[in-house]
Amino acid sequence: MLFVDPIFFVFFLVTASVYWLLTSHNWRKVWLLAASYVFYGAWDWRFLFLMIGCSAFNYVMALIVERQHKTGAAQAWILPVSIFANLSVLFFFKYFNFFATSLTEFAALFGATVSPVTLQVVLPVGISFFTFQAMSYFFDVYRKDIPAEKSFIDVSLYIAFFPQLVAGPIVRAADFLPQLTRRRFFADVNLRGSLLLFAIGFIKKACIADGLAPYVERVFADPETFDAFSIFSAVIFYAMQIYCDFSGYSDMAIAAAGLLGYHLVINFRAPYLSANITEFWRRWHISLSTWLRDYLYIPLGGNRHGPRRRDRNLMLTMILGGLWHGASYNFIVWGFMHGLALIVRREWAALRPAVGDVRLLSRFFSGLLTFYWVCIAWIFFRAATLPAALDITYAFVTLRSPGTEQLPLGVPWIAVILLMASQWADQKYGIVKRIESVSWPAFYGGLGTASAFALALVPGGALPFIYFQF
């Protein structure tokens, strides 16, 4: 059930209507939980038991650890058992075949023959997202940042809340659970802001991302047949496709939650306008980058033990962040490239005071350099194999290719330019907020007109969201 499918609009209309008609706060939560399970079960009902089991396990473990805190009898086993159990589920479904194959290939380097053991496992949609949310809830209780929640319904709804269930943003228990303590009122809903944000997300996904997808697919499927500029363009188009696809989902998720009276964190803030790689990661997939910072980088030691340990922790965090996206060496390379860029950026920032206030690059040119590096990294994220990624990278960097076929580039480049211009204008002048404040006839008339144009531009057949595979 995709946010851009007609069936979702029917599902959401029924869900929201019943939700707001119910007067009991507790029954509203039960209704939302049931709707969330229906939403997730629409992909494969069998994996509902996995999610319910994940919710029950972390609910019980949080109660146990809080009881140990109160009695002063905290035991060392509780944390490793929780981490092992949660990551075991993720490992089995997502990484077992990757590590089994890698072990076989490693043994072959030394002349040993090991029979590969692989499993035909279907990857549950959104498993990385709801597993991380469940783990963060336990971690927060373990660190005494929040108390353990006594209501199993509340914990289950926190983990299964359907707007952000399968592709984020990753929600923290400290942000969401307090919202479940009181009844919501429709009068408090930012109706205009939510509808506008959903429309923006819909346009990003259904019009721009899905519109660019065929160009990207053609080149990445057979790069050797295309000329250098087509390959260069396809890489840029993929950068825009994955941004519009993922941020479009996040926008629609935040908007859907807002129409139900709940607040989710912003997940993207025009990341391609960043002046450096550090700023990029403060604007891109913010909920994941802060999760990795708080639950991996800082526990590893952060920057508390000198620059070498800091760089090691940063690189390890980014490589594991890359591996979080999927079981592939390409994702490891992607994470390594971002870790390397972050380390270089920190060294440069430390060097600048020594060379005075002279800036060798303006914000504009440093932003272009950042975007260029991010695009090279995206090649490894998108390419099917490591050799294919290296071939495309060579063509992208050198602008050389043996192919002669050319893509029709006029329309997609216009879309890219308009996207970046609108992002810049909104950042500088707050265009979206200005639109929210116009008179209601102008707002709803404009929204209806824009929606009609958007529907007319939607390519035939909606594509799955890219981050569903993660």
Protein backbone atom coordinates (compact mmCIF):
# COMPACT_ATOMS: atom_id res chain seq x y z
CA MET A 1 0.00 0.00 0.00
CA LEU A 2 1.88 3.05 -1.29
CA PHE A 3 1.13 6.59 -0.20
CA VAL A 4 0.57 7.49 -3.86
CA ASP A 5 -1.89 4.63 -4.54
CA PRO A 6 -5.64 5.37 -4.60
CA ILE A 7 -6.18 2.55 -2.10
CA PHE A 8 -4.11 4.44 0.48
CA PHE A 9 -6.35 7.49 0.22
CA VAL A 10 -9.37 5.28 0.91
CA PHE A 11 -7.55 3.58 3.79
CA PHE A 12 -6.46 6.89 5.32
CA LEU A 13 -9.89 8.50 4.91
CA VAL A 14 -11.54 5.61 6.76
CA THR A 15 -8.81 5.51 9.41
CA ALA A 16 -8.85 9.26 10.08
CA SER A 17 -12.65 9.51 10.03
CA VAL A 18 -13.17 6.74 12.57
CA TYR A 19 -10.27 8.04 14.67
CA TRP A 20 -11.74 11.54 15.00
CA LEU A 21 -15.28 10.21 15.55
CA LEU A 22 -14.16 8.11 18.51
CA THR A 23 -14.40 10.01 21.79
CA SER A 24 -12.38 7.62 23.94
CA HIS A 25 -8.66 8.30 23.85
CA ASN A 26 -7.85 4.66 24.63
CA TRP A 27 -10.09 3.36 21.88
CA ARG A 28 -8.47 5.80 19.46
CA LYS A 29 -5.09 4.25 20.22
CA VAL A 30 -6.48 0.74 19.78
CA TRP A 31 -8.00 1.80 16.45
CA LEU A 32 -4.72 3.33 15.25
CA LEU A 33 -2.80 0.21 16.24
CA ALA A 34 -5.26 -2.00 14.37
CA ALA A 35 -5.05 0.27 11.32
CA SER A 36 -1.26 0.18 11.50
CA TYR A 37 -1.27 -3.61 11.52
CA VAL A 38 -3.65 -3.66 8.55
CA PHE A 39 -1.37 -1.22 6.73
CA TYR A 40 1.72 -3.36 7.35
CA GLY A 41 -0.09 -6.63 6.76
CA ALA A 42 -1.10 -5.45 3.30
CA TRP A 43 2.45 -6.35 2.18
CA ASP A 44 2.71 -9.71 3.93
CA TRP A 45 0.53 -10.55 6.91
CA ARG A 46 2.99 -13.19 8.14
CA PHE A 47 5.51 -10.55 9.19
CA LEU A 48 2.96 -8.98 11.54
CA PHE A 49 3.96 -11.66 14.04
CA LEU A 50 7.58 -10.54 13.73
CA MET A 51 6.64 -6.94 14.52
CA ILE A 52 4.36 -7.92 17.40
CA GLY A 53 7.10 -10.16 18.78
CA CYS A 54 9.63 -7.33 18.50
CA SER A 55 7.25 -5.01 20.35
CA ALA A 56 6.52 -7.55 23.09
CA PHE A 57 10.19 -8.42 23.63
CA ASN A 58 11.33 -4.82 24.04
CA TYR A 59 8.30 -3.96 26.16
CA VAL A 60 9.15 -6.75 28.60
CA MET A 61 12.89 -6.03 28.60
CA ALA A 62 12.25 -2.36 29.37
CA LEU A 63 10.05 -3.30 32.33
CA ILE A 64 12.72 -5.69 33.61
CA VAL A 65 15.52 -3.15 33.39
CA GLU A 66 13.43 -0.46 35.10
CA ARG A 67 12.60 -2.85 37.93
CA GLN A 68 16.32 -3.57 38.30
CA HIS A 69 17.04 0.16 38.42
CA LYS A 70 14.52 0.62 41.23
CA THR A 71 15.84 -2.29 43.29
CA GLY A 72 19.48 -1.47 42.64
CA ALA A 73 20.05 -5.02 41.41
CA ALA A 74 20.93 -4.22 37.81
CA GLN A 75 22.54 -7.18 36.08
CA ALA A 76 25.10 -7.07 33.31
CA TRP A 77 23.28 -9.59 31.11
CA ILE A 78 20.28 -7.41 30.29
CA LEU A 79 21.93 -5.09 27.75
CA PRO A 80 23.85 -7.68 25.67
CA VAL A 81 20.82 -9.99 25.61
CA SER A 82 18.59 -7.20 24.32
CA ILE A 83 21.10 -6.12 21.67
CA PHE A 84 21.74 -9.71 20.60
CA ALA A 85 18.05 -10.57 20.29
CA ASN A 86 17.15 -7.46 18.29
CA LEU A 87 20.14 -7.65 15.97
CA SER A 88 19.72 -11.40 15.49
CA VAL A 89 16.36 -10.81 13.84
CA LEU A 90 17.87 -8.13 11.62
CA PHE A 91 20.89 -10.32 10.83
CA PHE A 92 18.82 -13.36 9.90
CA PHE A 93 16.54 -11.58 7.47
CA LYS A 94 18.94 -9.04 6.04
CA TYR A 95 22.55 -10.18 6.36
CA PHE A 96 22.79 -13.96 6.70
CA ASN A 97 23.28 -14.69 3.01
CA PHE A 98 25.73 -11.79 2.61
CA PHE A 99 28.05 -12.97 5.40
CA ALA A 100 27.72 -16.63 4.41
CA THR A 101 28.77 -15.83 0.84
CA SER A 102 31.56 -13.51 2.03
CA LEU A 103 32.93 -16.24 4.28
CA THR A 104 32.98 -18.66 1.35
CA GLU A 105 34.83 -16.16 -0.84
CA PHE A 106 37.30 -15.38 1.97
CA ALA A 107 38.06 -19.06 2.46
CA ALA A 108 38.65 -19.47 -1.27
CA LEU A 109 41.46 -16.89 -1.09
CA PHE A 110 43.42 -19.38 1.03
CA GLY A 111 42.59 -22.38 -1.13
CA ALA A 112 39.90 -23.74 1.15
CA THR A 113 36.61 -24.98 -0.21
CA VAL A 114 33.56 -24.16 1.85
CA SER A 115 30.08 -25.04 0.68
CA PRO A 116 27.97 -21.88 0.76
CA VAL A 117 24.91 -21.99 3.00
CA THR A 118 22.25 -19.55 1.88
CA LEU A 119 18.59 -19.19 2.72
CA GLN A 120 15.67 -18.12 0.58
CA VAL A 121 14.49 -15.41 2.96
CA VAL A 122 12.00 -12.68 2.11
CA LEU A 123 13.09 -9.34 3.56
CA PRO A 124 10.27 -7.84 5.65
CA VAL A 125 9.39 -4.31 4.54
CA GLY A 126 10.79 -1.64 6.86
CA ILE A 127 12.48 -4.11 9.23
CA SER A 128 15.46 -1.81 9.80
CA PHE A 129 13.21 1.09 10.77
CA PHE A 130 10.98 -0.65 13.29
CA THR A 131 13.91 -2.63 14.74
CA PHE A 132 15.87 0.57 15.35
CA GLN A 133 12.85 2.20 16.97
CA ALA A 134 12.32 -0.77 19.27
CA MET A 135 16.00 -0.83 20.23
CA SER A 136 16.11 2.90 20.91
CA TYR A 137 13.13 2.55 23.27
CA PHE A 138 14.97 -0.09 25.31
CA PHE A 139 18.23 1.90 25.25
CA ASP A 140 16.48 5.04 26.51
CA VAL A 141 14.94 3.13 29.41
CA TYR A 142 18.26 1.41 30.14
CA ARG A 143 20.03 4.80 30.25
CA LYS A 144 17.22 6.19 32.46
CA ASP A 145 16.39 8.84 29.86
CA ILE A 146 12.71 7.83 29.99
CA PRO A 147 10.65 5.55 32.25
CA ALA A 148 9.41 2.22 30.97
CA GLU A 149 5.94 2.47 29.48
CA LYS A 150 3.38 0.35 31.35
CA SER A 151 0.90 0.18 28.47
CA PHE A 152 1.69 -2.49 25.88
CA ILE A 153 -0.73 -0.75 23.50
CA ASP A 154 1.33 2.46 23.68
CA VAL A 155 4.64 0.67 23.04
CA SER A 156 3.13 -1.31 20.18
CA LEU A 157 1.65 1.81 18.60
CA TYR A 158 4.97 3.63 18.94
CA ILE A 159 6.71 0.85 17.00
CA ALA A 160 3.92 0.20 14.46
CA PHE A 161 2.51 3.72 13.83
CA PHE A 162 1.69 3.38 10.14
CA PRO A 163 2.65 6.79 8.65
CA GLN A 164 6.36 6.27 9.34
CA LEU A 165 6.39 2.51 9.75
CA VAL A 166 8.18 1.29 6.63
CA ALA A 167 10.56 4.13 5.70
CA GLY A 168 10.79 6.53 8.61
CA PRO A 169 11.51 9.04 9.90
CA ILE A 170 12.89 6.99 12.78
CA VAL A 171 10.93 8.16 15.80
CA ARG A 172 12.30 8.36 19.33
CA ALA A 173 10.22 7.04 22.19
CA ALA A 174 10.90 10.21 24.17
CA ASP A 175 9.26 12.22 21.37
CA PHE A 176 6.31 9.96 20.57
CA LEU A 177 5.20 8.21 23.77
CA PRO A 178 4.35 11.48 25.59
CA GLN A 179 2.01 12.30 22.72
CA LEU A 180 -0.01 9.19 23.59
CA THR A 181 -0.81 10.38 27.10
CA ARG A 182 -3.55 12.83 26.17
CA ARG A 183 -6.47 13.00 23.80
CA ARG A 184 -5.92 14.90 20.55
CA PHE A 185 -8.34 17.53 19.26
CA PHE A 186 -9.00 18.19 15.60
CA ALA A 187 -9.03 21.95 16.28
CA ASP A 188 -5.31 21.69 17.12
CA VAL A 189 -4.43 20.08 13.77
CA ASN A 190 -2.47 22.24 11.35
CA LEU A 191 -4.76 21.29 8.48
CA ARG A 192 -3.27 23.61 5.88
CA GLY A 193 0.31 22.76 6.72
CA SER A 194 -0.36 19.01 6.66
CA LEU A 195 -2.27 19.07 3.37
CA LEU A 196 0.37 21.25 1.74
CA LEU A 197 3.21 19.06 3.00
CA PHE A 198 1.47 15.93 1.73
CA ALA A 199 0.99 17.54 -1.69
CA ILE A 200 4.67 18.53 -1.80
CA GLY A 201 5.71 14.98 -0.87
CA PHE A 202 3.35 13.53 -3.48
CA ILE A 203 4.82 15.75 -6.20
CA LYS A 204 8.37 14.87 -5.17
CA LYS A 205 7.69 11.15 -5.28
CA ALA A 206 5.08 10.58 -7.98
CA CYS A 207 6.12 13.30 -10.42
CA ILE A 208 9.85 13.94 -9.99
CA ALA A 209 11.32 10.72 -8.54
CA ASP A 210 9.19 8.37 -10.64
CA GLY A 211 9.67 10.63 -13.67
CA LEU A 212 13.46 10.45 -13.39
CA ALA A 213 13.53 6.72 -12.64
CA PRO A 214 13.40 5.47 -16.28
CA TYR A 215 16.40 7.61 -17.28
CA VAL A 216 18.41 6.35 -14.32
CA GLU A 217 17.39 2.74 -14.88
CA ARG A 218 18.42 2.75 -18.55
CA VAL A 219 21.91 4.05 -17.86
CA PHE A 220 22.67 2.02 -14.73
CA ALA A 221 21.42 -1.16 -16.43
CA ASP A 222 23.87 -0.82 -19.32
CA PRO A 223 26.25 2.14 -18.86
CA GLU A 224 28.72 1.10 -21.56
CA THR A 225 26.23 1.87 -24.31
CA PHE A 226 25.77 5.53 -23.31
CA ASP A 227 27.95 8.53 -23.90
CA ALA A 228 29.70 10.32 -21.03
CA PHE A 229 27.22 13.18 -20.68
CA SER A 230 24.29 10.76 -20.46
CA ILE A 231 26.08 8.85 -17.70
CA PHE A 232 26.96 12.10 -15.92
CA SER A 233 23.33 13.21 -16.17
CA ALA A 234 21.99 9.87 -14.95
CA VAL A 235 24.09 10.12 -11.79
CA ILE A 236 22.73 13.61 -11.11
CA PHE A 237 19.22 12.36 -11.84
CA TYR A 238 19.66 9.52 -9.35
CA ALA A 239 20.78 11.97 -6.67
CA MET A 240 17.55 13.87 -7.27
CA GLN A 241 15.47 10.70 -7.57
CA ILE A 242 16.53 9.23 -4.24
CA TYR A 243 16.13 12.61 -2.52
CA CYS A 244 12.63 13.20 -3.92
CA ASP A 245 11.63 9.59 -3.32
CA PHE A 246 12.79 9.43 0.29
CA SER A 247 12.03 12.99 1.37
CA GLY A 248 8.70 12.71 -0.43
CA TYR A 249 7.84 9.69 1.71
CA SER A 250 8.95 11.53 4.85
CA ASP A 251 6.87 14.58 3.92
CA MET A 252 3.77 12.46 3.38
CA ALA A 253 4.42 10.49 6.58
CA ILE A 254 4.77 13.66 8.64
CA ALA A 255 1.65 15.10 7.00
CA ALA A 256 -0.43 11.96 7.58
CA ALA A 257 0.64 11.88 11.23
CA GLY A 258 -0.17 15.59 11.51
CA LEU A 259 -3.71 15.00 10.21
CA LEU A 260 -4.13 12.52 13.07
CA GLY A 261 -2.81 15.04 15.58
CA TYR A 262 0.69 13.63 16.01
CA HIS A 263 4.04 15.29 15.45
CA LEU A 264 6.96 13.55 13.72
CA VAL A 265 10.45 14.99 13.38
CA ILE A 266 11.57 16.68 10.18
CA ASN A 267 13.80 14.29 8.24
CA PHE A 268 15.21 16.47 5.42
CA ARG A 269 16.17 20.13 5.14
CA ALA A 270 17.25 20.79 1.54
CA PRO A 271 20.45 18.68 1.91
CA TYR A 272 21.84 19.46 -1.55
CA LEU A 273 22.16 23.12 -0.57
CA SER A 274 24.73 22.17 2.08
CA ALA A 275 28.09 23.95 2.05
CA ASN A 276 30.02 20.92 3.36
CA ILE A 277 29.59 17.25 4.15
CA THR A 278 29.01 17.85 7.86
CA GLU A 279 26.15 20.17 7.05
CA PHE A 280 24.84 17.62 4.55
CA TRP A 281 24.46 15.03 7.29
CA ARG A 282 22.65 17.55 9.46
CA ARG A 283 20.12 17.93 6.64
CA TRP A 284 19.92 14.41 5.12
CA HIS A 285 17.92 11.60 6.80
CA ILE A 286 18.22 13.50 10.05
CA SER A 287 16.48 10.84 12.14
CA LEU A 288 19.03 8.18 11.09
CA SER A 289 22.11 10.39 11.41
CA THR A 290 21.10 11.47 14.94
CA TRP A 291 20.27 7.83 15.83
CA LEU A 292 23.73 6.70 14.72
CA ARG A 293 25.30 9.60 16.62
CA ASP A 294 23.45 8.95 19.89
CA TYR A 295 23.42 5.15 19.91
CA LEU A 296 26.64 4.27 18.11
CA TYR A 297 29.15 7.12 17.71
CA ILE A 298 28.86 8.50 21.26
CA PRO A 299 28.83 5.05 22.97
CA LEU A 300 31.96 4.16 20.96
CA GLY A 301 33.65 7.17 22.59
CA GLY A 302 32.74 9.96 20.20
CA ASN A 303 35.42 12.63 20.21
CA ARG A 304 36.37 12.20 23.86
CA HIS A 305 39.67 10.34 23.39
CA GLY A 306 41.64 12.34 20.87
CA PRO A 307 41.48 12.86 17.13
CA ARG A 308 42.61 9.36 16.11
CA ARG A 309 39.97 7.60 18.19
CA ARG A 310 37.44 10.18 17.04
CA ASP A 311 38.21 9.48 13.38
CA ARG A 312 38.04 5.74 14.00
CA ASN A 313 34.67 6.07 15.69
CA LEU A 314 33.37 8.30 12.92
CA MET A 315 34.51 5.94 10.18
CA LEU A 316 33.09 2.89 11.95
CA THR A 317 29.78 4.68 12.45
CA MET A 318 29.48 5.61 8.79
CA ILE A 319 30.49 2.15 7.54
CA LEU A 320 27.91 0.54 9.81
CA GLY A 321 25.44 3.17 8.66
CA GLY A 322 26.15 2.10 5.10
CA LEU A 323 25.73 -1.56 6.00
CA TRP A 324 22.41 -0.69 7.67
CA HIS A 325 21.08 0.10 4.20
CA GLY A 326 21.76 -3.37 2.86
CA ALA A 327 23.99 -6.42 2.68
CA SER A 328 26.38 -5.33 -0.06
CA TYR A 329 29.97 -4.19 -0.42
CA ASN A 330 28.63 -1.21 -2.36
CA PHE A 331 26.91 0.11 0.78
CA ILE A 332 30.13 -0.38 2.75
CA VAL A 333 32.02 1.68 0.16
CA TRP A 334 29.28 4.32 0.30
CA GLY A 335 29.61 4.54 4.08
CA PHE A 336 33.43 4.63 3.84
CA MET A 337 33.29 7.52 1.36
CA HIS A 338 31.07 9.56 3.65
CA GLY A 339 33.22 8.71 6.66
CA LEU A 340 36.34 9.79 4.78
CA ALA A 341 34.71 13.04 3.71
CA LEU A 342 33.62 13.81 7.28
CA ILE A 343 37.15 13.18 8.59
CA VAL A 344 38.70 15.40 5.89
CA ARG A 345 36.16 18.10 6.66
CA ARG A 346 37.05 18.01 10.37
CA GLU A 347 40.76 18.21 9.63
CA TRP A 348 40.16 21.16 7.31
CA ALA A 349 38.02 22.91 9.93
CA ALA A 350 40.84 22.44 12.47
CA LEU A 351 43.41 23.77 9.98
CA ARG A 352 41.53 26.91 9.02
CA PRO A 353 42.33 28.92 12.19
CA ALA A 354 46.03 28.34 11.50
CA VAL A 355 45.79 29.81 8.01
CA GLY A 356 43.76 32.80 9.06
CA ASP A 357 40.40 33.88 7.77
CA VAL A 358 41.21 33.39 4.10
CA ARG A 359 38.59 31.11 2.59
CA LEU A 360 39.91 29.17 -0.35
CA LEU A 361 36.41 28.25 -1.46
CA SER A 362 33.26 30.24 -1.22
CA ARG A 363 30.11 28.60 0.13
CA PHE A 364 28.91 28.17 -3.44
CA PHE A 365 31.99 26.31 -4.68
CA SER A 366 32.36 24.27 -1.49
CA GLY A 367 28.71 23.34 -1.90
CA LEU A 368 29.35 22.21 -5.47
CA LEU A 369 32.31 20.12 -4.28
CA THR A 370 30.16 18.55 -1.56
CA PHE A 371 27.40 17.74 -4.03
CA TYR A 372 29.94 16.29 -6.46
CA TRP A 373 31.33 13.94 -3.81
CA VAL A 374 27.85 12.95 -2.64
CA CYS A 375 26.94 12.09 -6.24
CA ILE A 376 30.02 9.87 -6.63
CA ALA A 377 29.02 8.07 -3.44
CA TRP A 378 25.47 7.65 -4.79
CA ILE A 379 26.90 5.66 -7.71
CA PHE A 380 27.95 2.90 -5.30
CA PHE A 381 24.60 3.14 -3.55
CA ARG A 382 22.70 2.60 -6.82
CA ALA A 383 24.88 0.31 -8.96
CA ALA A 384 24.10 -3.40 -8.92
CA THR A 385 27.72 -4.51 -8.49
CA LEU A 386 31.03 -3.04 -7.39
CA PRO A 387 32.65 -3.33 -10.88
CA ALA A 388 29.65 -1.55 -12.42
CA ALA A 389 29.97 1.22 -9.85
CA LEU A 390 33.65 1.66 -10.66
CA ASP A 391 32.91 1.87 -14.41
CA ILE A 392 30.22 4.50 -13.91
CA THR A 393 32.45 6.43 -11.52
CA TYR A 394 35.22 6.50 -14.12
CA ALA A 395 32.83 7.88 -16.74
CA PHE A 396 31.36 10.40 -14.29
CA VAL A 397 34.74 11.76 -13.18
CA THR A 398 36.62 11.69 -16.48
CA LEU A 399 33.64 12.37 -18.78
CA ARG A 400 34.80 9.51 -20.98
CA SER A 401 32.75 6.56 -22.14
CA PRO A 402 32.97 4.07 -25.03
CA GLY A 403 29.21 4.31 -25.62
CA THR A 404 27.46 6.57 -28.10
CA GLU A 405 23.78 6.33 -27.17
CA GLN A 406 22.28 9.53 -25.79
CA LEU A 407 19.43 10.07 -23.37
CA PRO A 408 16.75 12.68 -24.14
CA LEU A 409 17.86 15.06 -21.40
CA GLY A 410 15.82 18.23 -21.88
CA VAL A 411 12.80 17.53 -19.66
CA PRO A 412 14.64 15.82 -16.77
CA TRP A 413 17.26 18.59 -16.58
CA ILE A 414 14.48 21.20 -16.47
CA ALA A 415 12.89 19.26 -13.60
CA VAL A 416 16.21 19.16 -11.73
CA ILE A 417 16.81 22.90 -12.17
CA LEU A 418 13.26 23.77 -11.05
CA LEU A 419 13.62 21.49 -8.02
CA MET A 420 16.86 23.09 -6.88
CA ALA A 421 15.53 26.61 -7.55
CA SER A 422 12.41 25.92 -5.49
CA GLN A 423 14.51 24.49 -2.64
CA TRP A 424 16.72 27.57 -2.63
CA ALA A 425 13.74 29.95 -2.75
CA ASP A 426 12.01 28.19 0.13
CA GLN A 427 15.18 28.24 2.24
CA LYS A 428 15.73 31.93 1.58
CA TYR A 429 12.18 33.30 1.52
CA GLY A 430 10.06 30.68 3.31
CA ILE A 431 7.78 30.10 0.33
CA VAL A 432 5.91 27.17 1.91
CA LYS A 433 5.04 29.17 5.04
CA ARG A 434 3.89 32.07 2.89
CA ILE A 435 1.59 29.77 0.94
CA GLU A 436 0.09 28.48 4.19
CA SER A 437 -0.88 32.01 5.23
CA VAL A 438 -2.82 33.07 2.11
CA SER A 439 -6.63 33.36 2.21
CA TRP A 440 -8.53 30.08 2.32
CA PRO A 441 -10.06 30.41 -1.18
CA ALA A 442 -6.60 31.05 -2.65
CA PHE A 443 -5.03 28.23 -0.61
CA TYR A 444 -7.52 25.48 -1.38
CA GLY A 445 -8.05 26.66 -4.95
CA GLY A 446 -4.29 26.65 -5.54
CA LEU A 447 -3.88 23.30 -3.80
CA GLY A 448 -6.60 21.77 -5.95
CA THR A 449 -5.12 23.16 -9.14
CA ALA A 450 -1.61 22.01 -8.23
CA SER A 451 -2.95 18.55 -7.35
CA ALA A 452 -4.73 18.28 -10.70
CA PHE A 453 -1.55 19.20 -12.57
CA ALA A 454 0.46 16.77 -10.43
CA LEU A 455 -1.93 13.91 -11.16
CA ALA A 456 -1.69 14.68 -14.86
CA LEU A 457 2.11 14.47 -14.68
CA VAL A 458 2.26 11.19 -12.77
CA PRO A 459 3.85 8.45 -14.91
CA GLY A 460 1.77 5.33 -15.44
CA GLY A 461 2.10 2.97 -12.48
CA ALA A 462 3.58 4.11 -9.17
CA LEU A 463 7.01 2.71 -8.29
CA PRO A 464 7.79 1.33 -4.82
CA PHE A 465 9.64 3.73 -2.53
CA ILE A 466 13.39 3.16 -2.74
CA TYR A 467 13.80 2.89 1.02
CA PHE A 468 11.24 0.08 1.29
CA GLN A 469 14.11 -2.33 0.59
CA PHE A 470 15.97 -1.13 3.68
